[in-house]
Amino acid sequence: MLTIDTDARLSRALDQPLGGAVHRVLALRRQQLASIEGTAAFHLVEAGDMLADAEAALGFPIATDLVEGTSYPDPDFVPSWESAERHSGGVYEIVYVLTDDGYAHVLLVPDRDDTDPVLRSLLRDHVDQAEGAVPAP
């Protein structure tokens, strides 16, 4: 898991081979925000990271409905994210704003074979279907 929570870390991350879609999202957010410090932390799921690793990096459970307490894959589960989308090139961007100051935790999840299948399934079930996309096989 790569956590990017300062402008310096974001610059270093953009100098790494992150994959085209991840790089485009991070570059766009840097352009839009000018500075991420005090505004957002980006958490990039890497090969071998599991759902539990993402939850540990964020500091809260993403596979649990924070209002109702249901957990994925319960059919009554409703994600607690602020927004979610699948960008072209195959990366999910999930935004959580859990405080009144607007600070965002942004989870970036590449939709690849080496990504945790439970995490991919959760995103495909709740992001792709919400967007009307045809789920990937």
Protein backbone atom coordinates (compact mmCIF):
# COMPACT_ATOMS: atom_id res chain seq x y z
CA MET A 1 0.00 0.00 0.00
CA LEU A 2 1.39 3.34 -1.02
CA THR A 3 0.11 6.30 1.02
CA ILE A 4 0.54 9.75 -0.47
CA ASP A 5 -0.31 12.49 2.01
CA THR A 6 2.13 15.31 1.23
CA ASP A 7 3.00 17.26 -1.89
CA ALA A 8 6.54 15.84 -1.79
CA ARG A 9 5.24 12.26 -1.68
CA LEU A 10 2.87 13.03 -4.53
CA SER A 11 5.73 14.38 -6.65
CA ARG A 12 7.83 11.27 -5.89
CA ALA A 13 4.88 9.00 -6.70
CA LEU A 14 4.36 10.70 -10.05
CA ASP A 15 8.01 9.97 -10.87
CA GLN A 16 7.41 6.23 -10.36
CA PRO A 17 6.00 3.76 -12.90
CA LEU A 18 2.50 3.57 -11.38
CA GLY A 19 0.60 2.60 -14.50
CA GLY A 20 -1.06 5.01 -16.88
CA ALA A 21 -4.50 5.25 -15.29
CA VAL A 22 -3.18 5.75 -11.74
CA HIS A 23 -0.68 8.33 -12.95
CA ARG A 24 -3.41 10.24 -14.83
CA VAL A 25 -5.72 10.33 -11.80
CA LEU A 26 -2.96 11.52 -9.44
CA ALA A 27 -1.74 14.15 -11.92
CA LEU A 28 -5.29 15.41 -12.40
CA ARG A 29 -5.90 15.65 -8.66
CA ARG A 30 -2.60 17.50 -8.16
CA GLN A 31 -3.63 19.99 -10.85
CA GLN A 32 -7.12 20.42 -9.35
CA LEU A 33 -6.02 20.73 -5.73
CA ALA A 34 -2.69 22.54 -6.19
CA SER A 35 -1.67 21.15 -2.77
CA ILE A 36 -2.94 17.97 -1.13
CA GLU A 37 -1.56 18.83 2.29
CA GLY A 38 -4.41 19.22 4.74
CA THR A 39 -6.85 18.33 1.97
CA ALA A 40 -6.43 14.67 1.03
CA ALA A 41 -4.48 11.48 1.46
CA PHE A 42 -4.29 9.03 -1.43
CA HIS A 43 -3.92 5.32 -0.70
CA LEU A 44 -2.85 3.21 -3.66
CA VAL A 45 -3.59 -0.51 -3.50
CA GLU A 46 -0.60 -2.39 -4.87
CA ALA A 47 -0.09 -6.00 -5.97
CA GLY A 48 -0.49 -8.31 -2.99
CA ASP A 49 -2.47 -5.83 -0.86
CA MET A 50 -5.68 -7.22 0.59
CA LEU A 51 -8.93 -5.59 1.68
CA ALA A 52 -7.64 -5.63 5.28
CA ASP A 53 -4.54 -3.67 4.16
CA ALA A 54 -6.74 -1.00 2.58
CA GLU A 55 -8.86 -0.79 5.72
CA ALA A 56 -5.75 -0.51 7.90
CA ALA A 57 -4.33 2.30 5.72
CA LEU A 58 -7.61 4.20 5.80
CA GLY A 59 -8.24 3.55 9.47
CA PHE A 60 -11.83 2.35 9.06
CA PRO A 61 -13.69 -0.60 7.52
CA ILE A 62 -14.69 -0.09 3.89
CA ALA A 63 -16.55 -3.38 3.58
CA THR A 64 -18.89 -2.40 6.43
CA ASP A 65 -21.81 0.00 6.12
CA LEU A 66 -20.87 2.60 8.75
CA VAL A 67 -24.56 3.49 9.32
CA GLU A 68 -26.33 0.13 9.34
CA GLY A 69 -23.42 -2.12 10.26
CA THR A 70 -23.98 -4.61 7.44
CA SER A 71 -20.89 -6.02 5.77
CA TYR A 72 -20.14 -6.92 2.18
CA PRO A 73 -21.37 -9.24 0.58
CA ASP A 74 -24.62 -8.93 2.59
CA PRO A 75 -27.31 -7.88 0.07
CA ASP A 76 -28.27 -4.98 2.38
CA PHE A 77 -24.72 -3.60 2.43
CA VAL A 78 -24.48 0.03 1.31
CA PRO A 79 -20.99 1.51 0.87
CA SER A 80 -20.12 4.49 3.06
CA TRP A 81 -18.02 6.34 0.51
CA GLU A 82 -18.68 9.91 -0.58
CA SER A 83 -18.10 9.17 -4.25
CA ALA A 84 -16.75 6.38 -6.40
CA GLU A 85 -15.89 5.98 -10.04
CA ARG A 86 -14.03 3.71 -12.39
CA HIS A 87 -11.69 5.69 -14.61
CA SER A 88 -10.79 4.65 -18.13
CA GLY A 89 -7.72 2.49 -18.04
CA GLY A 90 -9.05 0.45 -15.14
CA VAL A 91 -8.56 2.23 -11.83
CA TYR A 92 -11.22 2.80 -9.21
CA GLU A 93 -11.18 6.04 -7.24
CA ILE A 94 -13.12 5.85 -3.98
CA VAL A 95 -13.45 9.03 -1.88
CA TYR A 96 -14.28 9.11 1.83
CA VAL A 97 -14.95 12.38 3.66
CA LEU A 98 -15.63 11.49 7.27
CA THR A 99 -14.97 14.79 9.06
CA ASP A 100 -16.54 18.23 8.92
CA ASP A 101 -13.31 19.86 7.72
CA GLY A 102 -13.66 18.08 4.37
CA TYR A 103 -10.39 16.12 4.56
CA ALA A 104 -10.62 13.25 2.08
CA HIS A 105 -9.16 9.77 2.10
CA VAL A 106 -8.95 8.59 -1.49
CA LEU A 107 -8.51 4.90 -2.25
CA LEU A 108 -7.09 4.08 -5.68
CA VAL A 109 -7.62 0.47 -6.72
CA PRO A 110 -6.28 -0.84 -10.03
CA ASP A 111 -8.69 -3.30 -11.65
CA ARG A 112 -6.07 -5.97 -12.39
CA ASP A 113 -5.75 -9.69 -11.86
CA ASP A 114 -3.20 -9.16 -9.06
CA THR A 115 -5.66 -7.02 -7.04
CA ASP A 116 -7.45 -8.68 -4.12
CA PRO A 117 -10.50 -10.45 -5.62
CA VAL A 118 -12.75 -9.51 -2.68
CA LEU A 119 -11.91 -5.82 -3.07
CA ARG A 120 -12.40 -6.00 -6.84
CA SER A 121 -15.72 -7.77 -6.38
CA LEU A 122 -16.95 -5.14 -3.90
CA LEU A 123 -16.06 -2.36 -6.33
CA ARG A 124 -17.50 -4.10 -9.35
CA ASP A 125 -20.73 -4.80 -7.48
CA HIS A 126 -21.18 -1.25 -6.20
CA VAL A 127 -19.30 1.11 -8.52
CA ASP A 128 -19.74 -0.52 -11.92
CA GLN A 129 -23.42 -1.27 -11.37
CA ALA A 130 -24.10 2.25 -10.05
CA GLU A 131 -22.50 3.67 -13.20
CA GLY A 132 -24.45 1.30 -15.42
CA ALA A 133 -21.27 -0.36 -16.63
CA VAL A 134 -21.14 -3.94 -17.71
CA PRO A 135 -19.19 -5.78 -14.98
CA ALA A 136 -15.85 -7.15 -16.10
CA PRO A 137 -15.58 -10.94 -16.25
